[in-house]
């Protein structure tokens, strides 16, 4: 296995996991009575969706790869840079805070699933960025992304419970910068 693919997958994992980490942190802030089992469920859902979306994007990208092979570095640069820039602007926009409150301070399973889907949509384009990987390496990459998201989201819930809203913006800015760097790295080759 090529260590470059592993390194790239780890970087992508941390880049796309930052949204999930931020939302998990916000959940911890908003729902201070979350138990470890609910935190694990949140992390598991976020991880599964973050892992599935790149695979979906990968298979779509593979179909297009033969026709667009020479343009993949440009497409990856544009997509990942735009995702990164959007994440940075969203983090700096103080009105952009995900709130999922209910009267009894409970976080429903439906709300968690919606959050998992919403935070993983951008990971679909990661599949285009890895469309030059072999199928087995794409599965490894998706697994790495899934595990990184699971761990960071689980930690995020507890950090949110402990510290507060300031970390949300930092996590998204950091994630945005990572995505831009990955886009540039793919472009340079």
N, C-alpha and C. Protein backbone atom coordinates (compact mmCIF):
# COMPACT_ATOMS: atom_id res chain seq x y z
N UNK A 1 0.83 -1.19 0.00
CA UNK A 1 0.00 0.00 0.00
C UNK A 1 0.87 1.24 0.00
N UNK A 2 0.53 2.17 -0.84
CA UNK A 2 1.29 3.41 -0.97
C UNK A 2 1.00 4.33 0.22
N UNK A 3 2.04 4.73 0.93
CA UNK A 3 1.88 5.59 2.11
C UNK A 3 1.36 6.96 1.73
N UNK A 4 1.58 7.38 0.50
CA UNK A 4 1.06 8.67 0.05
C UNK A 4 -0.48 8.67 0.09
N UNK A 5 -1.09 7.55 -0.34
CA UNK A 5 -2.55 7.42 -0.30
C UNK A 5 -3.06 7.42 1.15
N UNK A 6 -2.32 6.73 2.01
CA UNK A 6 -2.71 6.68 3.43
C UNK A 6 -2.64 8.09 4.03
N UNK A 7 -1.53 8.78 3.79
CA UNK A 7 -1.36 10.13 4.32
C UNK A 7 -2.46 11.05 3.78
N UNK A 8 -2.73 10.97 2.49
CA UNK A 8 -3.77 11.79 1.88
C UNK A 8 -5.13 11.46 2.49
N UNK A 9 -5.40 10.19 2.75
CA UNK A 9 -6.67 9.78 3.36
C UNK A 9 -6.80 10.31 4.78
N UNK A 10 -5.71 10.28 5.52
CA UNK A 10 -5.73 10.81 6.88
C UNK A 10 -6.01 12.31 6.85
N UNK A 11 -5.34 13.02 5.96
CA UNK A 11 -5.56 14.47 5.85
C UNK A 11 -7.00 14.76 5.43
N UNK A 12 -7.51 14.00 4.45
CA UNK A 12 -8.91 14.17 4.04
C UNK A 12 -9.84 13.87 5.20
N UNK A 13 -9.52 12.83 5.96
CA UNK A 13 -10.34 12.46 7.11
C UNK A 13 -10.46 13.60 8.11
N UNK A 14 -9.33 14.20 8.45
CA UNK A 14 -9.38 15.32 9.40
C UNK A 14 -10.06 16.53 8.78
N UNK A 15 -9.87 16.72 7.48
CA UNK A 15 -10.52 17.86 6.81
C UNK A 15 -12.03 17.77 6.82
N UNK A 16 -12.56 16.62 6.41
CA UNK A 16 -14.03 16.50 6.36
C UNK A 16 -14.64 16.21 7.71
N UNK A 17 -13.86 15.68 8.64
CA UNK A 17 -14.40 15.39 9.98
C UNK A 17 -14.61 16.65 10.80
N UNK A 18 -14.02 17.76 10.37
CA UNK A 18 -14.12 18.98 11.18
C UNK A 18 -15.56 19.48 11.31
N UNK A 19 -16.36 19.34 10.25
CA UNK A 19 -17.78 19.72 10.35
C UNK A 19 -18.49 18.85 11.38
N UNK A 20 -18.25 17.55 11.30
CA UNK A 20 -18.88 16.63 12.25
C UNK A 20 -18.40 16.92 13.67
N UNK A 21 -17.11 17.20 13.82
CA UNK A 21 -16.56 17.55 15.12
C UNK A 21 -17.24 18.81 15.67
N UNK A 22 -17.41 19.80 14.80
CA UNK A 22 -18.03 21.06 15.22
C UNK A 22 -19.48 20.83 15.66
N UNK A 23 -20.23 20.04 14.90
CA UNK A 23 -21.62 19.77 15.25
C UNK A 23 -21.69 18.92 16.51
N UNK A 24 -20.80 17.93 16.64
CA UNK A 24 -20.76 17.10 17.85
C UNK A 24 -20.44 17.97 19.06
N UNK A 25 -19.52 18.91 18.89
CA UNK A 25 -19.18 19.84 19.97
C UNK A 25 -20.39 20.69 20.33
N UNK A 26 -21.09 21.18 19.29
CA UNK A 26 -22.30 21.97 19.54
C UNK A 26 -23.36 21.14 20.26
N UNK A 27 -23.45 19.86 19.91
CA UNK A 27 -24.39 18.98 20.61
C UNK A 27 -24.02 18.88 22.09
N UNK A 28 -22.74 18.75 22.37
CA UNK A 28 -22.29 18.68 23.75
C UNK A 28 -22.59 19.96 24.50
N UNK A 29 -22.45 21.10 23.82
CA UNK A 29 -22.74 22.40 24.43
C UNK A 29 -24.23 22.52 24.72
N UNK A 30 -25.05 22.16 23.73
CA UNK A 30 -26.49 22.34 23.82
C UNK A 30 -27.19 21.29 24.67
N UNK A 31 -26.60 20.12 24.75
CA UNK A 31 -27.25 19.00 25.44
C UNK A 31 -26.28 18.44 26.47
N UNK A 32 -26.17 19.14 27.56
CA UNK A 32 -25.16 18.81 28.57
C UNK A 32 -25.41 17.49 29.29
N UNK A 33 -26.60 16.92 29.13
CA UNK A 33 -26.92 15.68 29.83
C UNK A 33 -26.78 14.45 28.92
N UNK A 34 -26.12 14.62 27.77
CA UNK A 34 -25.91 13.47 26.89
C UNK A 34 -25.06 12.42 27.59
N UNK A 35 -25.50 11.18 27.49
CA UNK A 35 -24.75 10.06 28.08
C UNK A 35 -23.73 9.55 27.06
N UNK A 36 -22.80 8.77 27.53
CA UNK A 36 -21.75 8.23 26.66
C UNK A 36 -22.34 7.39 25.53
N UNK A 37 -23.43 6.67 25.79
CA UNK A 37 -24.03 5.85 24.73
C UNK A 37 -24.60 6.72 23.62
N UNK A 38 -25.21 7.84 23.98
CA UNK A 38 -25.75 8.76 22.97
C UNK A 38 -24.60 9.43 22.22
N UNK A 39 -23.53 9.78 22.93
CA UNK A 39 -22.35 10.37 22.28
C UNK A 39 -21.75 9.37 21.29
N UNK A 40 -21.71 8.10 21.67
CA UNK A 40 -21.19 7.07 20.78
C UNK A 40 -22.09 6.90 19.56
N UNK A 41 -23.40 6.97 19.76
CA UNK A 41 -24.34 6.88 18.63
C UNK A 41 -24.13 8.05 17.67
N UNK A 42 -23.98 9.26 18.21
CA UNK A 42 -23.71 10.44 17.38
C UNK A 42 -22.44 10.20 16.57
N UNK A 43 -21.37 9.80 17.25
CA UNK A 43 -20.09 9.58 16.59
C UNK A 43 -20.19 8.48 15.53
N UNK A 44 -20.90 7.42 15.82
CA UNK A 44 -21.06 6.31 14.89
C UNK A 44 -21.82 6.76 13.63
N UNK A 45 -22.90 7.49 13.81
CA UNK A 45 -23.67 7.98 12.65
C UNK A 45 -22.84 8.95 11.81
N UNK A 46 -22.16 9.87 12.47
CA UNK A 46 -21.32 10.81 11.73
C UNK A 46 -20.22 10.06 10.98
N UNK A 47 -19.59 9.08 11.63
CA UNK A 47 -18.53 8.31 10.99
C UNK A 47 -19.02 7.51 9.80
N UNK A 48 -20.15 6.83 9.96
CA UNK A 48 -20.69 6.02 8.87
C UNK A 48 -21.00 6.88 7.65
N UNK A 49 -21.69 8.00 7.87
CA UNK A 49 -22.04 8.86 6.73
C UNK A 49 -20.80 9.50 6.10
N UNK A 50 -19.84 9.90 6.93
CA UNK A 50 -18.61 10.48 6.37
C UNK A 50 -17.82 9.44 5.59
N UNK A 51 -17.92 8.18 5.95
CA UNK A 51 -17.25 7.12 5.21
C UNK A 51 -17.97 6.71 3.95
N UNK A 52 -19.30 6.72 3.99
CA UNK A 52 -20.09 6.32 2.81
C UNK A 52 -20.05 7.34 1.68
N UNK A 53 -20.12 8.61 2.03
CA UNK A 53 -20.19 9.64 0.99
C UNK A 53 -18.98 9.64 0.06
N UNK A 54 -17.74 9.52 0.57
CA UNK A 54 -16.62 9.47 -0.37
C UNK A 54 -16.68 8.24 -1.29
N UNK A 55 -17.21 7.12 -0.78
CA UNK A 55 -17.33 5.94 -1.64
C UNK A 55 -18.34 6.17 -2.76
N UNK A 56 -19.45 6.81 -2.42
CA UNK A 56 -20.44 7.14 -3.45
C UNK A 56 -19.81 8.07 -4.49
N UNK A 57 -19.13 9.10 -4.01
CA UNK A 57 -18.44 10.03 -4.91
C UNK A 57 -17.36 9.34 -5.72
N UNK A 58 -16.68 8.37 -5.10
CA UNK A 58 -15.62 7.64 -5.79
C UNK A 58 -16.19 6.89 -7.00
N UNK A 59 -17.29 6.16 -6.78
CA UNK A 59 -17.84 5.37 -7.88
C UNK A 59 -18.42 6.26 -8.98
N UNK A 60 -18.99 7.37 -8.60
CA UNK A 60 -19.44 8.34 -9.62
C UNK A 60 -18.22 8.90 -10.36
N UNK A 61 -17.21 9.27 -9.58
CA UNK A 61 -15.98 9.82 -10.16
C UNK A 61 -15.26 8.83 -11.07
N UNK A 62 -15.26 7.54 -10.70
CA UNK A 62 -14.61 6.52 -11.53
C UNK A 62 -15.28 6.42 -12.90
N UNK A 63 -16.59 6.57 -12.93
CA UNK A 63 -17.29 6.53 -14.21
C UNK A 63 -16.86 7.69 -15.09
N UNK A 64 -16.61 8.81 -14.47
CA UNK A 64 -16.19 10.00 -15.22
C UNK A 64 -14.69 10.05 -15.44
N UNK A 65 -13.92 9.29 -14.63
CA UNK A 65 -12.47 9.38 -14.62
C UNK A 65 -11.86 9.14 -15.99
N UNK A 66 -12.34 8.14 -16.70
CA UNK A 66 -11.77 7.83 -18.01
C UNK A 66 -11.87 9.01 -18.95
N UNK A 67 -12.97 9.74 -18.88
CA UNK A 67 -13.19 10.87 -19.77
C UNK A 67 -12.52 12.15 -19.27
N UNK A 68 -12.31 12.24 -17.97
CA UNK A 68 -11.83 13.49 -17.38
C UNK A 68 -10.47 13.36 -16.71
N UNK A 69 -9.73 12.29 -16.98
CA UNK A 69 -8.50 12.00 -16.25
C UNK A 69 -7.53 13.19 -16.22
N UNK A 70 -7.37 13.88 -17.31
CA UNK A 70 -6.42 15.00 -17.33
C UNK A 70 -6.93 16.20 -16.53
N UNK A 71 -8.23 16.24 -16.28
CA UNK A 71 -8.80 17.38 -15.56
C UNK A 71 -8.99 17.13 -14.07
N UNK A 72 -8.77 15.88 -13.62
CA UNK A 72 -8.99 15.53 -12.21
C UNK A 72 -8.21 16.44 -11.25
N UNK A 73 -6.92 16.73 -11.49
CA UNK A 73 -6.22 17.61 -10.54
C UNK A 73 -6.87 19.00 -10.44
N UNK A 74 -7.33 19.52 -11.58
CA UNK A 74 -7.98 20.83 -11.58
C UNK A 74 -9.33 20.77 -10.85
N UNK A 75 -10.08 19.71 -11.14
CA UNK A 75 -11.38 19.54 -10.50
C UNK A 75 -11.21 19.39 -8.98
N UNK A 76 -10.24 18.57 -8.58
CA UNK A 76 -9.99 18.37 -7.15
C UNK A 76 -9.59 19.68 -6.48
N UNK A 77 -8.70 20.42 -7.13
CA UNK A 77 -8.26 21.71 -6.58
C UNK A 77 -9.45 22.63 -6.38
N UNK A 78 -10.29 22.75 -7.40
CA UNK A 78 -11.43 23.66 -7.32
C UNK A 78 -12.43 23.20 -6.26
N UNK A 79 -12.79 21.92 -6.29
CA UNK A 79 -13.80 21.41 -5.35
C UNK A 79 -13.31 21.53 -3.91
N UNK A 80 -12.11 21.03 -3.63
CA UNK A 80 -11.62 21.05 -2.26
C UNK A 80 -11.35 22.48 -1.78
N UNK A 81 -10.85 23.33 -2.67
CA UNK A 81 -10.62 24.72 -2.28
C UNK A 81 -11.93 25.44 -1.98
N UNK A 82 -12.93 25.22 -2.83
CA UNK A 82 -14.23 25.86 -2.57
C UNK A 82 -14.85 25.34 -1.28
N UNK A 83 -14.73 24.02 -1.03
CA UNK A 83 -15.23 23.47 0.23
C UNK A 83 -14.50 24.11 1.41
N UNK A 84 -13.18 24.20 1.30
CA UNK A 84 -12.38 24.78 2.38
C UNK A 84 -12.70 26.24 2.61
N UNK A 85 -12.83 27.00 1.55
CA UNK A 85 -13.17 28.42 1.67
C UNK A 85 -14.55 28.59 2.28
N UNK A 86 -15.51 27.75 1.84
CA UNK A 86 -16.86 27.82 2.41
C UNK A 86 -16.83 27.52 3.90
N UNK A 87 -16.06 26.50 4.29
CA UNK A 87 -15.97 26.15 5.71
C UNK A 87 -15.39 27.30 6.52
N UNK A 88 -14.37 27.96 5.98
CA UNK A 88 -13.75 29.09 6.69
C UNK A 88 -14.75 30.23 6.83
N UNK A 89 -15.45 30.57 5.73
CA UNK A 89 -16.44 31.65 5.81
C UNK A 89 -17.59 31.30 6.75
N UNK A 90 -18.04 30.04 6.71
CA UNK A 90 -19.10 29.62 7.62
C UNK A 90 -18.65 29.74 9.07
N UNK A 91 -17.38 29.40 9.32
CA UNK A 91 -16.86 29.49 10.69
C UNK A 91 -16.78 30.94 11.15
N UNK A 92 -16.48 31.83 10.23
CA UNK A 92 -16.37 33.24 10.59
C UNK A 92 -17.72 33.94 10.68
N UNK A 93 -18.75 33.31 10.09
CA UNK A 93 -20.10 33.86 10.12
C UNK A 93 -20.77 33.45 11.43
N UNK A 94 -20.85 34.36 12.35
CA UNK A 94 -21.35 34.04 13.69
C UNK A 94 -22.83 33.65 13.69
N UNK A 95 -23.56 33.94 12.63
CA UNK A 95 -24.98 33.57 12.56
C UNK A 95 -25.15 32.11 12.16
N UNK A 96 -24.12 31.49 11.67
CA UNK A 96 -24.19 30.12 11.16
C UNK A 96 -23.89 29.13 12.27
N UNK A 97 -24.82 28.97 13.18
CA UNK A 97 -24.66 28.03 14.29
C UNK A 97 -25.78 27.02 14.21
N UNK A 98 -25.43 25.75 14.20
CA UNK A 98 -26.44 24.69 14.12
C UNK A 98 -27.02 24.50 15.51
N UNK A 99 -28.34 24.67 15.60
CA UNK A 99 -29.01 24.51 16.88
C UNK A 99 -30.05 23.41 16.74
N UNK A 100 -29.99 22.45 17.59
CA UNK A 100 -30.98 21.38 17.60
C UNK A 100 -31.46 21.23 19.04
N UNK A 101 -32.36 22.12 19.43
CA UNK A 101 -32.88 22.10 20.79
C UNK A 101 -34.29 21.52 20.78
N UNK A 102 -34.65 20.92 21.86
CA UNK A 102 -36.02 20.53 22.07
C UNK A 102 -36.39 20.95 23.48
N UNK A 103 -37.65 20.89 23.79
CA UNK A 103 -38.12 21.40 25.08
C UNK A 103 -37.47 20.70 26.25
N UNK A 104 -37.20 19.42 26.13
CA UNK A 104 -36.64 18.68 27.27
C UNK A 104 -35.13 18.46 27.15
N UNK A 105 -34.46 19.24 26.30
CA UNK A 105 -33.01 19.18 26.12
C UNK A 105 -32.54 17.81 25.65
N UNK A 106 -33.40 17.07 24.95
CA UNK A 106 -33.04 15.77 24.39
C UNK A 106 -32.69 15.95 22.92
N UNK A 107 -31.80 15.14 22.44
CA UNK A 107 -31.39 15.14 21.05
C UNK A 107 -31.97 13.88 20.42
N UNK A 108 -32.90 14.04 19.49
CA UNK A 108 -33.60 12.89 18.91
C UNK A 108 -32.71 12.15 17.90
N UNK A 109 -33.06 10.91 17.66
CA UNK A 109 -32.34 10.10 16.67
C UNK A 109 -32.49 10.73 15.28
N UNK A 110 -33.69 11.24 14.98
CA UNK A 110 -33.91 11.90 13.70
C UNK A 110 -33.01 13.12 13.52
N UNK A 111 -32.85 13.90 14.57
CA UNK A 111 -31.99 15.08 14.51
C UNK A 111 -30.53 14.67 14.29
N UNK A 112 -30.12 13.60 14.95
CA UNK A 112 -28.74 13.11 14.78
C UNK A 112 -28.51 12.64 13.35
N UNK A 113 -29.48 11.91 12.78
CA UNK A 113 -29.34 11.44 11.40
C UNK A 113 -29.29 12.62 10.42
N UNK A 114 -30.13 13.63 10.64
CA UNK A 114 -30.09 14.81 9.78
C UNK A 114 -28.74 15.52 9.88
N UNK A 115 -28.22 15.62 11.08
CA UNK A 115 -26.90 16.22 11.25
C UNK A 115 -25.83 15.40 10.54
N UNK A 116 -25.90 14.08 10.64
CA UNK A 116 -24.92 13.20 10.00
C UNK A 116 -24.94 13.38 8.48
N UNK A 117 -26.13 13.46 7.93
CA UNK A 117 -26.26 13.66 6.48
C UNK A 117 -25.74 15.04 6.09
N UNK A 118 -26.17 16.07 6.82
CA UNK A 118 -25.78 17.44 6.49
C UNK A 118 -24.27 17.64 6.57
N UNK A 119 -23.64 17.04 7.57
CA UNK A 119 -22.19 17.23 7.71
C UNK A 119 -21.39 16.36 6.75
N UNK A 120 -22.02 15.38 6.12
CA UNK A 120 -21.27 14.49 5.24
C UNK A 120 -21.46 14.78 3.75
N UNK A 121 -22.36 15.66 3.41
CA UNK A 121 -22.60 15.96 1.99
C UNK A 121 -21.32 16.42 1.30
N UNK A 122 -20.55 17.28 1.98
CA UNK A 122 -19.31 17.75 1.36
C UNK A 122 -18.31 16.62 1.13
N UNK A 123 -18.41 15.54 1.89
CA UNK A 123 -17.51 14.40 1.72
C UNK A 123 -17.78 13.66 0.40
N UNK A 124 -18.94 13.89 -0.20
CA UNK A 124 -19.23 13.29 -1.50
C UNK A 124 -18.18 13.73 -2.53
N UNK A 125 -17.81 14.99 -2.49
CA UNK A 125 -16.83 15.49 -3.46
C UNK A 125 -15.44 14.93 -3.19
N UNK A 126 -15.18 14.47 -1.97
CA UNK A 126 -13.90 13.83 -1.67
C UNK A 126 -13.75 12.58 -2.55
N UNK A 127 -14.87 11.91 -2.82
CA UNK A 127 -14.84 10.75 -3.69
C UNK A 127 -14.32 11.07 -5.08
N UNK A 128 -14.65 12.27 -5.57
CA UNK A 128 -14.11 12.70 -6.86
C UNK A 128 -12.60 12.89 -6.75
N UNK A 129 -12.17 13.43 -5.62
CA UNK A 129 -10.75 13.70 -5.42
C UNK A 129 -9.93 12.41 -5.35
N UNK A 130 -10.55 11.32 -4.90
CA UNK A 130 -9.82 10.05 -4.80
C UNK A 130 -10.17 9.09 -5.93
N UNK A 131 -10.78 9.59 -6.99
CA UNK A 131 -11.22 8.70 -8.07
C UNK A 131 -10.07 8.06 -8.82
N UNK A 132 -8.84 8.54 -8.59
CA UNK A 132 -7.69 7.89 -9.21
C UNK A 132 -7.14 6.76 -8.34
N UNK A 133 -7.71 6.54 -7.15
CA UNK A 133 -7.31 5.44 -6.27
C UNK A 133 -7.87 4.13 -6.85
N UNK A 134 -7.27 3.01 -6.47
CA UNK A 134 -7.87 1.72 -6.79
C UNK A 134 -9.10 1.55 -5.90
N UNK A 135 -9.97 0.60 -6.25
CA UNK A 135 -11.18 0.38 -5.45
C UNK A 135 -10.83 -0.02 -4.02
N UNK A 136 -9.82 -0.88 -3.85
CA UNK A 136 -9.45 -1.29 -2.49
C UNK A 136 -8.88 -0.12 -1.69
N UNK A 137 -8.11 0.74 -2.35
CA UNK A 137 -7.56 1.90 -1.65
C UNK A 137 -8.67 2.90 -1.32
N UNK A 138 -9.68 3.01 -2.17
CA UNK A 138 -10.82 3.90 -1.88
C UNK A 138 -11.57 3.41 -0.65
N UNK A 139 -11.71 2.09 -0.51
CA UNK A 139 -12.37 1.53 0.67
C UNK A 139 -11.53 1.80 1.92
N UNK A 140 -10.21 1.63 1.80
CA UNK A 140 -9.32 1.94 2.92
C UNK A 140 -9.44 3.42 3.28
N UNK A 141 -9.43 4.27 2.27
CA UNK A 141 -9.54 5.71 2.50
C UNK A 141 -10.86 6.05 3.20
N UNK A 142 -11.95 5.47 2.73
CA UNK A 142 -13.26 5.72 3.34
C UNK A 142 -13.30 5.22 4.77
N UNK A 143 -12.65 4.09 5.03
CA UNK A 143 -12.59 3.55 6.39
C UNK A 143 -11.79 4.47 7.30
N UNK A 144 -10.68 4.98 6.80
CA UNK A 144 -9.88 5.93 7.58
C UNK A 144 -10.70 7.18 7.90
N UNK A 145 -11.40 7.70 6.90
CA UNK A 145 -12.25 8.88 7.10
C UNK A 145 -13.33 8.58 8.13
N UNK A 146 -13.95 7.42 8.01
CA UNK A 146 -15.00 7.00 8.96
C UNK A 146 -14.45 6.96 10.39
N UNK A 147 -13.31 6.31 10.58
CA UNK A 147 -12.74 6.16 11.92
C UNK A 147 -12.30 7.50 12.51
N UNK A 148 -11.69 8.34 11.70
CA UNK A 148 -11.28 9.66 12.19
C UNK A 148 -12.50 10.46 12.61
N UNK A 149 -13.55 10.42 11.79
CA UNK A 149 -14.78 11.14 12.12
C UNK A 149 -15.41 10.59 13.39
N UNK A 150 -15.46 9.28 13.50
CA UNK A 150 -16.04 8.66 14.69
C UNK A 150 -15.32 9.11 15.96
N UNK A 151 -14.00 9.02 15.95
CA UNK A 151 -13.22 9.38 17.14
C UNK A 151 -13.34 10.87 17.44
N UNK A 152 -13.16 11.72 16.42
CA UNK A 152 -13.20 13.16 16.68
C UNK A 152 -14.60 13.61 17.10
N UNK A 153 -15.63 13.01 16.56
CA UNK A 153 -17.00 13.37 16.95
C UNK A 153 -17.29 12.96 18.39
N UNK A 154 -16.84 11.77 18.75
CA UNK A 154 -17.04 11.30 20.13
C UNK A 154 -16.34 12.23 21.11
N UNK A 155 -15.11 12.59 20.79
CA UNK A 155 -14.37 13.52 21.63
C UNK A 155 -15.04 14.89 21.62
N UNK A 156 -15.54 15.30 20.45
CA UNK A 156 -16.18 16.61 20.32
C UNK A 156 -17.37 16.81 21.25
N UNK A 157 -18.19 15.78 21.41
CA UNK A 157 -19.34 15.88 22.32
C UNK A 157 -18.86 16.25 23.72
N UNK A 158 -17.82 15.57 24.18
CA UNK A 158 -17.35 15.80 25.54
C UNK A 158 -16.60 17.13 25.68
N UNK A 159 -15.89 17.52 24.64
CA UNK A 159 -15.25 18.84 24.65
C UNK A 159 -16.32 19.92 24.71
N UNK A 160 -17.38 19.75 23.92
CA UNK A 160 -18.47 20.71 23.93
C UNK A 160 -19.10 20.84 25.30
N UNK A 161 -19.29 19.71 25.95
CA UNK A 161 -19.86 19.73 27.29
C UNK A 161 -18.93 20.48 28.25
N UNK A 162 -17.64 20.38 28.01
CA UNK A 162 -16.67 20.95 28.94
C UNK A 162 -16.35 22.42 28.66
N UNK A 163 -16.17 22.79 27.39
CA UNK A 163 -15.57 24.09 27.11
C UNK A 163 -16.48 25.17 26.53
N UNK A 164 -17.16 24.94 25.46
CA UNK A 164 -17.99 26.00 24.94
C UNK A 164 -17.90 26.22 23.45
N UNK A 165 -18.57 27.23 22.98
CA UNK A 165 -18.78 27.47 21.55
C UNK A 165 -17.55 27.97 20.80
N UNK A 166 -16.54 28.47 21.47
CA UNK A 166 -15.38 29.03 20.77
C UNK A 166 -14.68 28.03 19.87
N UNK A 167 -14.71 26.75 20.23
CA UNK A 167 -14.01 25.73 19.46
C UNK A 167 -14.66 25.46 18.11
N UNK A 168 -15.95 25.73 17.95
CA UNK A 168 -16.64 25.44 16.69
C UNK A 168 -15.98 26.17 15.53
N UNK A 169 -15.76 27.46 15.67
CA UNK A 169 -15.16 28.24 14.60
C UNK A 169 -13.74 27.77 14.31
N UNK A 170 -12.95 27.51 15.33
CA UNK A 170 -11.58 27.07 15.13
C UNK A 170 -11.53 25.76 14.37
N UNK A 171 -12.38 24.80 14.73
CA UNK A 171 -12.39 23.49 14.08
C UNK A 171 -12.73 23.63 12.60
N UNK A 172 -13.71 24.45 12.27
CA UNK A 172 -14.09 24.62 10.87
C UNK A 172 -13.02 25.35 10.07
N UNK A 173 -12.39 26.36 10.67
CA UNK A 173 -11.32 27.08 9.98
C UNK A 173 -10.16 26.12 9.70
N UNK A 174 -9.78 25.33 10.71
CA UNK A 174 -8.70 24.36 10.56
C UNK A 174 -9.05 23.34 9.46
N UNK A 175 -10.27 22.83 9.48
CA UNK A 175 -10.72 21.88 8.46
C UNK A 175 -10.71 22.48 7.07
N UNK A 176 -11.15 23.74 6.96
CA UNK A 176 -11.14 24.43 5.67
C UNK A 176 -9.74 24.58 5.12
N UNK A 177 -8.80 24.95 5.99
CA UNK A 177 -7.40 25.10 5.57
C UNK A 177 -6.84 23.76 5.10
N UNK A 178 -7.15 22.69 5.82
CA UNK A 178 -6.67 21.36 5.43
C UNK A 178 -7.20 20.99 4.05
N UNK A 179 -8.49 21.24 3.79
CA UNK A 179 -9.05 20.89 2.48
C UNK A 179 -8.38 21.68 1.36
N UNK A 180 -8.11 22.96 1.58
CA UNK A 180 -7.44 23.77 0.57
C UNK A 180 -6.04 23.23 0.31
N UNK A 181 -5.32 22.88 1.37
CA UNK A 181 -3.96 22.32 1.22
C UNK A 181 -4.00 21.01 0.45
N UNK A 182 -4.98 20.16 0.74
CA UNK A 182 -5.10 18.89 0.01
C UNK A 182 -5.39 19.15 -1.46
N UNK A 183 -6.27 20.11 -1.74
CA UNK A 183 -6.56 20.45 -3.14
C UNK A 183 -5.32 20.90 -3.89
N UNK A 184 -4.50 21.72 -3.24
CA UNK A 184 -3.26 22.21 -3.85
C UNK A 184 -2.29 21.04 -4.04
N UNK A 185 -2.23 20.16 -3.04
CA UNK A 185 -1.31 19.01 -3.13
C UNK A 185 -1.70 18.07 -4.28
N UNK A 186 -2.98 17.83 -4.45
CA UNK A 186 -3.44 16.98 -5.56
C UNK A 186 -3.12 17.66 -6.89
N UNK A 187 -3.33 18.96 -6.94
CA UNK A 187 -3.07 19.72 -8.17
C UNK A 187 -1.60 19.67 -8.55
N UNK A 188 -0.72 19.84 -7.57
CA UNK A 188 0.71 19.82 -7.82
C UNK A 188 1.18 18.43 -8.20
N UNK A 189 0.52 17.43 -7.61
CA UNK A 189 0.80 16.04 -7.97
C UNK A 189 1.84 15.43 -7.13
